[in-house]
């Protein structure tokens, strides 16, 4: 295992605490490793953003204007939505 030395600056109060731990036989490197592992586990266990809640908030913050006419396709039908989008992107050939 390759290891790296890190340098950490401590304020007066933390330096006093570190010296007290060292006097009691606690290895400061173990304290740092445990703190890193614990913080890393907290990061991994955080819940991911809820996509549905984010989208719901977007629609709440930016609703459709009241005079917007209804769409001519079912927005829940992905095939119909695709056709409508493509129809606006390319001219209709006749």
Protein backbone atom coordinates (compact mmCIF):
# COMPACT_ATOMS: atom_id res chain seq x y z
CA UNK A 1 0.00 0.00 0.00
CA UNK A 2 1.37 3.37 -0.92
CA UNK A 3 0.65 6.10 1.57
CA UNK A 4 0.90 9.86 1.46
CA UNK A 5 1.72 12.30 4.18
CA UNK A 6 -0.73 15.16 4.65
CA UNK A 7 -0.20 18.37 6.57
CA UNK A 8 -3.14 19.70 8.57
CA UNK A 9 -3.27 23.09 10.23
CA UNK A 10 -4.98 23.15 13.61
CA UNK A 11 -6.23 26.06 15.62
CA UNK A 12 -5.14 26.35 19.25
CA UNK A 13 -8.13 24.49 20.65
CA UNK A 14 -7.80 21.55 18.26
CA UNK A 15 -4.04 21.40 18.82
CA UNK A 16 -4.69 21.10 22.56
CA UNK A 17 -7.20 18.30 21.91
CA UNK A 18 -4.78 16.51 19.58
CA UNK A 19 -2.02 16.68 22.21
CA UNK A 20 -4.38 15.28 24.85
CA UNK A 21 -5.29 12.38 22.56
CA UNK A 22 -1.64 11.68 21.80
CA UNK A 23 -0.78 11.71 25.54
CA UNK A 24 -3.43 9.03 26.06
CA UNK A 25 -1.88 6.86 23.36
CA UNK A 26 -4.32 7.60 20.56
CA UNK A 27 -2.65 7.66 17.14
CA UNK A 28 -3.76 10.83 15.37
CA UNK A 29 -3.39 9.09 12.01
CA UNK A 30 -6.06 6.60 13.13
CA UNK A 31 -8.35 9.49 14.12
CA UNK A 32 -7.90 11.11 10.71
CA UNK A 33 -8.47 7.83 8.84
CA UNK A 34 -11.64 7.11 10.83
CA UNK A 35 -12.95 10.63 10.24
CA UNK A 36 -12.31 10.33 6.49
CA UNK A 37 -14.02 6.94 6.31
CA UNK A 38 -17.01 8.18 8.31
CA UNK A 39 -17.45 11.30 6.20
CA UNK A 40 -17.11 9.26 3.00
CA UNK A 41 -19.87 6.88 4.14
CA UNK A 42 -22.10 9.87 4.83
CA UNK A 43 -21.56 11.07 1.28
CA UNK A 44 -22.43 7.70 -0.20
CA UNK A 45 -25.55 7.31 1.93
CA UNK A 46 -27.01 10.70 1.00
CA UNK A 47 -30.16 10.30 -1.01
CA UNK A 48 -30.06 11.20 -4.66
CA UNK A 49 -32.15 14.09 -5.85
CA UNK A 50 -35.76 13.12 -6.51
CA UNK A 51 -36.24 13.78 -10.24
CA UNK A 52 -40.04 13.85 -9.99
CA UNK A 53 -39.89 16.44 -7.21
CA UNK A 54 -37.46 18.57 -9.21
CA UNK A 55 -39.69 18.48 -12.31
CA UNK A 56 -42.79 19.18 -10.23
CA UNK A 57 -41.07 22.22 -8.70
CA UNK A 58 -40.05 23.43 -12.18
CA UNK A 59 -43.65 23.29 -13.38
CA UNK A 60 -44.87 25.02 -10.21
CA UNK A 61 -42.34 27.82 -10.66
CA UNK A 62 -42.87 28.13 -14.44
CA UNK A 63 -46.46 27.19 -15.30
CA UNK A 64 -47.90 27.36 -18.80
CA UNK A 65 -49.50 30.71 -19.62
CA UNK A 66 -53.28 30.68 -19.16
CA UNK A 67 -53.92 31.54 -22.83
CA UNK A 68 -51.82 28.65 -24.17
CA UNK A 69 -53.95 26.51 -26.52
CA UNK A 70 -54.14 22.78 -25.78
CA UNK A 71 -51.62 20.57 -27.53
CA UNK A 72 -52.75 18.59 -30.54
CA UNK A 73 -51.15 15.40 -29.28
CA UNK A 74 -51.07 13.34 -26.10
CA UNK A 75 -48.01 14.51 -24.19
CA UNK A 76 -47.89 11.15 -22.40
CA UNK A 77 -47.58 9.26 -25.70
CA UNK A 78 -43.87 9.31 -26.54
CA UNK A 79 -44.46 8.39 -30.17
CA UNK A 80 -46.98 11.20 -30.65
CA UNK A 81 -44.67 13.63 -28.83
CA UNK A 82 -41.75 12.60 -31.02
CA UNK A 83 -43.74 13.13 -34.20
CA UNK A 84 -44.92 16.55 -33.01
CA UNK A 85 -41.40 17.62 -32.14
CA UNK A 86 -39.95 16.36 -35.40
CA UNK A 87 -42.75 18.10 -37.26
CA UNK A 88 -41.68 21.43 -35.83
CA UNK A 89 -38.03 20.81 -36.64
CA UNK A 90 -38.30 19.90 -40.30
CA UNK A 91 -40.59 21.19 -43.03
CA UNK A 92 -43.44 18.99 -44.15
CA UNK A 93 -42.88 17.57 -47.65
CA UNK A 94 -45.86 17.60 -49.98
